[in-house]
Amino acid sequence: MTAPLLTLVLLLLTSSAAVACASADPKGDLKRIRVYMHETMSGPNATLLTSVQSPLGGSATFGQIGVLDNELRDGLHRGSSSPLGRFQGLFAMTGLANTPGLLSAVDVVFTGGKYQGSTLAMLGTIQDLRASVERTVVGGTGAFRMARGYSSMVYIPEASTANNDVYRIDFFVDV
């Protein structure tokens, strides 16, 4: 390639990359939404349930399928926070090797607050629920129609009890 042609190709590639970066958030409308998920593990008000046991039997988890319908609130403590919606989904234990691996498909349904009537749809893999968990936001409805982005979920041990886990979830959504 001659020097002028190479320069032109590099210029086109650079400008294409700049356009792609600029269009990642074309309206500059990236939203950050913080909620707290409250999960009850057992008892009559459990919000997490294993619906299919592993076909391998014993204490195996591979192939186990479950559902969840956790509460979303605007604060750490149920008694002093307002409900915002539900964290509803399916999970499947997909790790056959050393790490347990959990595949999740979740709909976040906003039933109160600023985004009432809207939803976010997420997919993701979880290796450890006590570590930071990221999921991909793959769509939504209402205020989040055609949304894309990600969520970051962090376990909050100081707000959790033996039967109730609390997680802080930050959504970073481009609409």
C-alpha atoms as a PDB file:
ATOM      1  CA  MET A   1       0.000   0.000   0.000  1.00  0.00           C
ATOM      2  CA  THR A   2       1.211   3.474  -0.737  1.00  0.00           C
ATOM      3  CA  ALA A   3       1.602   5.986   2.071  1.00  0.00           C
ATOM      4  CA  PRO A   4      -1.359   8.219   1.031  1.00  0.00           C
ATOM      5  CA  LEU A   5      -3.661   5.191   0.671  1.00  0.00           C
ATOM      6  CA  LEU A   6      -2.557   3.812   4.044  1.00  0.00           C
ATOM      7  CA  THR A   7      -3.163   7.229   5.627  1.00  0.00           C
ATOM      8  CA  LEU A   8      -6.663   7.341   4.106  1.00  0.00           C
ATOM      9  CA  VAL A   9      -7.501   3.838   5.376  1.00  0.00           C
ATOM     10  CA  LEU A  10      -6.257   4.704   8.883  1.00  0.00           C
ATOM     11  CA  LEU A  11      -8.253   7.948   8.833  1.00  0.00           C
ATOM     12  CA  LEU A  12     -11.427   6.079   7.827  1.00  0.00           C
ATOM     13  CA  LEU A  13     -10.915   3.441  10.534  1.00  0.00           C
ATOM     14  CA  THR A  14     -10.262   6.106  13.180  1.00  0.00           C
ATOM     15  CA  SER A  15     -13.328   8.140  12.222  1.00  0.00           C
ATOM     16  CA  SER A  16     -15.482   4.980  12.136  1.00  0.00           C
ATOM     17  CA  ALA A  17     -14.336   4.104  15.651  1.00  0.00           C
ATOM     18  CA  ALA A  18     -15.082   7.650  16.818  1.00  0.00           C
ATOM     19  CA  VAL A  19     -18.589   7.492  15.335  1.00  0.00           C
ATOM     20  CA  ALA A  20     -19.194   4.082  16.984  1.00  0.00           C
ATOM     21  CA  CYS A  21     -18.078   5.462  20.371  1.00  0.00           C
ATOM     22  CA  ALA A  22     -20.205   8.592  19.994  1.00  0.00           C
ATOM     23  CA  SER A  23     -23.276   6.556  19.057  1.00  0.00           C
ATOM     24  CA  ALA A  24     -22.979   4.258  22.088  1.00  0.00           C
ATOM     25  CA  ASP A  25     -25.074   6.795  23.984  1.00  0.00           C
ATOM     26  CA  PRO A  26     -26.398   9.043  21.190  1.00  0.00           C
ATOM     27  CA  LYS A  27     -28.770  11.099  23.362  1.00  0.00           C
ATOM     28  CA  GLY A  28     -26.493  11.218  26.395  1.00  0.00           C
ATOM     29  CA  ASP A  29     -29.365   9.598  28.277  1.00  0.00           C
ATOM     30  CA  LEU A  30     -27.537   6.966  30.361  1.00  0.00           C
ATOM     31  CA  LYS A  31     -29.618   6.376  33.485  1.00  0.00           C
ATOM     32  CA  ARG A  32     -28.316   5.059  36.797  1.00  0.00           C
ATOM     33  CA  ILE A  33     -31.014   3.539  38.971  1.00  0.00           C
ATOM     34  CA  ARG A  34     -30.327   2.147  42.451  1.00  0.00           C
ATOM     35  CA  VAL A  35     -32.646  -0.318  44.173  1.00  0.00           C
ATOM     36  CA  TYR A  36     -32.342  -2.833  46.998  1.00  0.00           C
ATOM     37  CA  MET A  37     -33.442  -6.424  46.501  1.00  0.00           C
ATOM     38  CA  HIS A  38     -34.838  -8.294  49.505  1.00  0.00           C
ATOM     39  CA  GLU A  39     -34.801 -12.088  49.191  1.00  0.00           C
ATOM     40  CA  THR A  40     -36.429 -14.511  51.658  1.00  0.00           C
ATOM     41  CA  MET A  41     -34.865 -17.980  51.478  1.00  0.00           C
ATOM     42  CA  SER A  42     -37.394 -20.152  53.293  1.00  0.00           C
ATOM     43  CA  GLY A  43     -40.655 -20.251  55.201  1.00  0.00           C
ATOM     44  CA  PRO A  44     -44.197 -19.408  54.131  1.00  0.00           C
ATOM     45  CA  ASN A  45     -43.110 -16.119  52.518  1.00  0.00           C
ATOM     46  CA  ALA A  46     -40.091 -17.491  50.639  1.00  0.00           C
ATOM     47  CA  THR A  47     -39.291 -15.570  47.463  1.00  0.00           C
ATOM     48  CA  LEU A  48     -36.800 -18.127  46.124  1.00  0.00           C
ATOM     49  CA  LEU A  49     -37.738 -21.690  45.225  1.00  0.00           C
ATOM     50  CA  THR A  50     -35.987 -24.657  43.618  1.00  0.00           C
ATOM     51  CA  SER A  51     -38.631 -26.092  41.307  1.00  0.00           C
ATOM     52  CA  VAL A  52     -36.602 -28.917  39.695  1.00  0.00           C
ATOM     53  CA  GLN A  53     -33.888 -30.858  41.521  1.00  0.00           C
ATOM     54  CA  SER A  54     -30.721 -32.002  39.759  1.00  0.00           C
ATOM     55  CA  PRO A  55     -31.273 -35.197  37.750  1.00  0.00           C
ATOM     56  CA  LEU A  56     -27.875 -36.354  39.060  1.00  0.00           C
ATOM     57  CA  GLY A  57     -29.367 -36.816  42.556  1.00  0.00           C
ATOM     58  CA  GLY A  58     -27.665 -36.524  45.920  1.00  0.00           C
ATOM     59  CA  SER A  59     -26.187 -33.119  46.618  1.00  0.00           C
ATOM     60  CA  ALA A  60     -25.569 -32.364  42.923  1.00  0.00           C
ATOM     61  CA  THR A  61     -26.742 -28.975  41.680  1.00  0.00           C
ATOM     62  CA  PHE A  62     -26.085 -29.311  37.933  1.00  0.00           C
ATOM     63  CA  GLY A  63     -29.423 -29.132  36.110  1.00  0.00           C
ATOM     64  CA  GLN A  64     -31.310 -27.685  39.075  1.00  0.00           C
ATOM     65  CA  ILE A  65     -33.890 -25.068  38.071  1.00  0.00           C
ATOM     66  CA  GLY A  66     -35.472 -22.451  40.265  1.00  0.00           C
ATOM     67  CA  VAL A  67     -37.632 -19.368  40.284  1.00  0.00           C
ATOM     68  CA  LEU A  68     -37.572 -16.169  42.263  1.00  0.00           C
ATOM     69  CA  ASP A  69     -39.884 -13.243  42.910  1.00  0.00           C
ATOM     70  CA  ASN A  70     -37.929 -10.906  45.155  1.00  0.00           C
ATOM     71  CA  GLU A  71     -39.007  -7.550  46.475  1.00  0.00           C
ATOM     72  CA  LEU A  72     -37.340  -4.336  45.233  1.00  0.00           C
ATOM     73  CA  ARG A  73     -37.289  -1.375  47.605  1.00  0.00           C
ATOM     74  CA  ASP A  74     -35.701   2.076  47.747  1.00  0.00           C
ATOM     75  CA  GLY A  75     -33.736   1.270  50.924  1.00  0.00           C
ATOM     76  CA  LEU A  76     -31.824  -1.355  52.877  1.00  0.00           C
ATOM     77  CA  HIS A  77     -34.473  -2.033  55.511  1.00  0.00           C
ATOM     78  CA  ARG A  78     -38.002  -3.235  54.753  1.00  0.00           C
ATOM     79  CA  GLY A  79     -39.578  -1.301  57.603  1.00  0.00           C
ATOM     80  CA  SER A  80     -38.175   2.084  56.589  1.00  0.00           C
ATOM     81  CA  SER A  81     -38.244   1.873  52.784  1.00  0.00           C
ATOM     82  CA  SER A  82     -40.869   1.938  50.051  1.00  0.00           C
ATOM     83  CA  PRO A  83     -41.572  -0.856  47.576  1.00  0.00           C
ATOM     84  CA  LEU A  84     -40.494  -0.149  43.985  1.00  0.00           C
ATOM     85  CA  GLY A  85     -41.202  -3.442  42.246  1.00  0.00           C
ATOM     86  CA  ARG A  86     -40.299  -7.095  41.801  1.00  0.00           C
ATOM     87  CA  PHE A  87     -37.185  -8.978  40.676  1.00  0.00           C
ATOM     88  CA  GLN A  88     -38.739 -11.999  38.928  1.00  0.00           C
ATOM     89  CA  GLY A  89     -36.848 -14.699  37.113  1.00  0.00           C
ATOM     90  CA  LEU A  90     -35.602 -18.162  36.413  1.00  0.00           C
ATOM     91  CA  PHE A  91     -32.234 -19.646  37.223  1.00  0.00           C
ATOM     92  CA  ALA A  92     -30.539 -22.837  36.160  1.00  0.00           C
ATOM     93  CA  MET A  93     -27.470 -24.379  37.752  1.00  0.00           C
ATOM     94  CA  THR A  94     -25.183 -24.822  34.761  1.00  0.00           C
ATOM     95  CA  GLY A  95     -21.750 -25.439  36.283  1.00  0.00           C
ATOM     96  CA  LEU A  96     -20.616 -29.039  36.080  1.00  0.00           C
ATOM     97  CA  ALA A  97     -16.978 -28.323  36.928  1.00  0.00           C
ATOM     98  CA  ASN A  98     -15.536 -26.817  40.135  1.00  0.00           C
ATOM     99  CA  THR A  99     -17.486 -23.539  40.016  1.00  0.00           C
ATOM    100  CA  PRO A 100     -21.227 -23.918  40.524  1.00  0.00           C
ATOM    101  CA  GLY A 101     -22.279 -21.494  37.772  1.00  0.00           C
ATOM    102  CA  LEU A 102     -25.791 -20.193  37.614  1.00  0.00           C
ATOM    103  CA  LEU A 103     -27.515 -18.848  34.509  1.00  0.00           C
ATOM    104  CA  SER A 104     -30.252 -16.304  35.192  1.00  0.00           C
ATOM    105  CA  ALA A 105     -32.987 -14.639  33.164  1.00  0.00           C
ATOM    106  CA  VAL A 106     -34.659 -11.838  35.114  1.00  0.00           C
ATOM    107  CA  ASP A 107     -37.405  -9.276  34.587  1.00  0.00           C
ATOM    108  CA  VAL A 108     -37.387  -6.243  36.837  1.00  0.00           C
ATOM    109  CA  VAL A 109     -40.989  -5.049  37.123  1.00  0.00           C
ATOM    110  CA  PHE A 110     -41.389  -1.522  38.494  1.00  0.00           C
ATOM    111  CA  THR A 111     -44.682  -1.256  40.388  1.00  0.00           C
ATOM    112  CA  GLY A 112     -43.968   2.032  42.166  1.00  0.00           C
ATOM    113  CA  GLY A 113     -41.797   5.114  42.021  1.00  0.00           C
ATOM    114  CA  LYS A 114     -40.641   7.081  38.984  1.00  0.00           C
ATOM    115  CA  TYR A 115     -40.564   4.063  36.640  1.00  0.00           C
ATOM    116  CA  GLN A 116     -43.913   2.503  37.638  1.00  0.00           C
ATOM    117  CA  GLY A 117     -45.296   0.384  34.791  1.00  0.00           C
ATOM    118  CA  SER A 118     -41.897  -0.151  33.129  1.00  0.00           C
ATOM    119  CA  THR A 119     -39.701  -3.256  33.035  1.00  0.00           C
ATOM    120  CA  LEU A 120     -36.075  -4.203  32.414  1.00  0.00           C
ATOM    121  CA  ALA A 121     -35.017  -7.604  31.040  1.00  0.00           C
ATOM    122  CA  MET A 122     -31.644  -9.074  32.029  1.00  0.00           C
ATOM    123  CA  LEU A 123     -29.522 -12.136  31.315  1.00  0.00           C
ATOM    124  CA  GLY A 124     -26.348 -13.236  33.006  1.00  0.00           C
ATOM    125  CA  THR A 125     -24.142 -15.824  34.602  1.00  0.00           C
ATOM    126  CA  ILE A 126     -23.380 -15.834  38.321  1.00  0.00           C
ATOM    127  CA  GLN A 127     -20.365 -17.584  39.833  1.00  0.00           C
ATOM    128  CA  ASP A 128     -20.649 -16.309  43.411  1.00  0.00           C
ATOM    129  CA  LEU A 129     -23.644 -14.507  44.956  1.00  0.00           C
ATOM    130  CA  ARG A 130     -21.429 -13.001  47.657  1.00  0.00           C
ATOM    131  CA  ALA A 131     -19.223 -11.281  45.059  1.00  0.00           C
ATOM    132  CA  SER A 132     -20.229  -8.436  42.761  1.00  0.00           C
ATOM    133  CA  VAL A 133     -22.499  -9.782  39.990  1.00  0.00           C
ATOM    134  CA  GLU A 134     -22.967  -8.123  36.608  1.00  0.00           C
ATOM    135  CA  ARG A 135     -25.801  -8.923  34.222  1.00  0.00           C
ATOM    136  CA  THR A 136     -26.560  -7.594  30.770  1.00  0.00           C
ATOM    137  CA  VAL A 137     -29.678  -5.468  30.309  1.00  0.00           C
ATOM    138  CA  VAL A 138     -31.110  -6.725  27.014  1.00  0.00           C
ATOM    139  CA  GLY A 139     -34.322  -4.725  26.768  1.00  0.00           C
ATOM    140  CA  GLY A 140     -37.304  -3.313  28.533  1.00  0.00           C
ATOM    141  CA  THR A 141     -40.758  -1.806  28.263  1.00  0.00           C
ATOM    142  CA  GLY A 142     -42.327   1.553  29.065  1.00  0.00           C
ATOM    143  CA  ALA A 143     -39.628   4.080  29.972  1.00  0.00           C
ATOM    144  CA  PHE A 144     -37.034   1.410  29.106  1.00  0.00           C
ATOM    145  CA  ARG A 145     -38.273   0.381  25.653  1.00  0.00           C
ATOM    146  CA  MET A 146     -35.254  -0.770  23.597  1.00  0.00           C
ATOM    147  CA  ALA A 147     -32.964  -0.341  26.631  1.00  0.00           C
ATOM    148  CA  ARG A 148     -29.471  -1.751  26.789  1.00  0.00           C
ATOM    149  CA  GLY A 149     -26.853  -1.664  29.481  1.00  0.00           C
ATOM    150  CA  TYR A 150     -25.864  -3.624  32.548  1.00  0.00           C
ATOM    151  CA  SER A 151     -26.551  -4.065  36.225  1.00  0.00           C
ATOM    152  CA  SER A 152     -24.211  -4.489  39.150  1.00  0.00           C
ATOM    153  CA  MET A 153     -25.505  -6.435  42.166  1.00  0.00           C
ATOM    154  CA  VAL A 154     -23.664  -6.470  45.514  1.00  0.00           C
ATOM    155  CA  TYR A 155     -24.547  -8.489  48.634  1.00  0.00           C
ATOM    156  CA  ILE A 156     -25.029  -6.307  51.751  1.00  0.00           C
ATOM    157  CA  PRO A 157     -24.149  -8.513  54.769  1.00  0.00           C
ATOM    158  CA  GLU A 158     -24.878  -5.860  57.419  1.00  0.00           C
ATOM    159  CA  ALA A 159     -28.520  -5.604  56.235  1.00  0.00           C
ATOM    160  CA  SER A 160     -29.013  -9.366  55.762  1.00  0.00           C
ATOM    161  CA  THR A 161     -30.217 -11.928  58.304  1.00  0.00           C
ATOM    162  CA  ALA A 162     -30.096 -15.734  58.503  1.00  0.00           C
ATOM    163  CA  ASN A 163     -33.230 -16.052  56.314  1.00  0.00           C
ATOM    164  CA  ASN A 164     -33.195 -12.775  54.352  1.00  0.00           C
ATOM    165  CA  ASP A 165     -30.511 -11.535  51.989  1.00  0.00           C
ATOM    166  CA  VAL A 166     -30.289  -7.922  50.871  1.00  0.00           C
ATOM    167  CA  TYR A 167     -28.520  -6.844  47.674  1.00  0.00           C
ATOM    168  CA  ARG A 168     -27.849  -3.376  46.263  1.00  0.00           C
ATOM    169  CA  ILE A 169     -28.495  -3.277  42.515  1.00  0.00           C
ATOM    170  CA  ASP A 170     -27.337  -0.436  40.285  1.00  0.00           C
ATOM    171  CA  PHE A 171     -28.725  -0.384  36.760  1.00  0.00           C
ATOM    172  CA  PHE A 172     -26.830   1.534  34.075  1.00  0.00           C
ATOM    173  CA  VAL A 173     -29.280   1.827  31.213  1.00  0.00           C
ATOM    174  CA  ASP A 174     -29.103   3.526  27.823  1.00  0.00           C
ATOM    175  CA  VAL A 175     -32.542   4.262  26.372  1.00  0.00           C
END
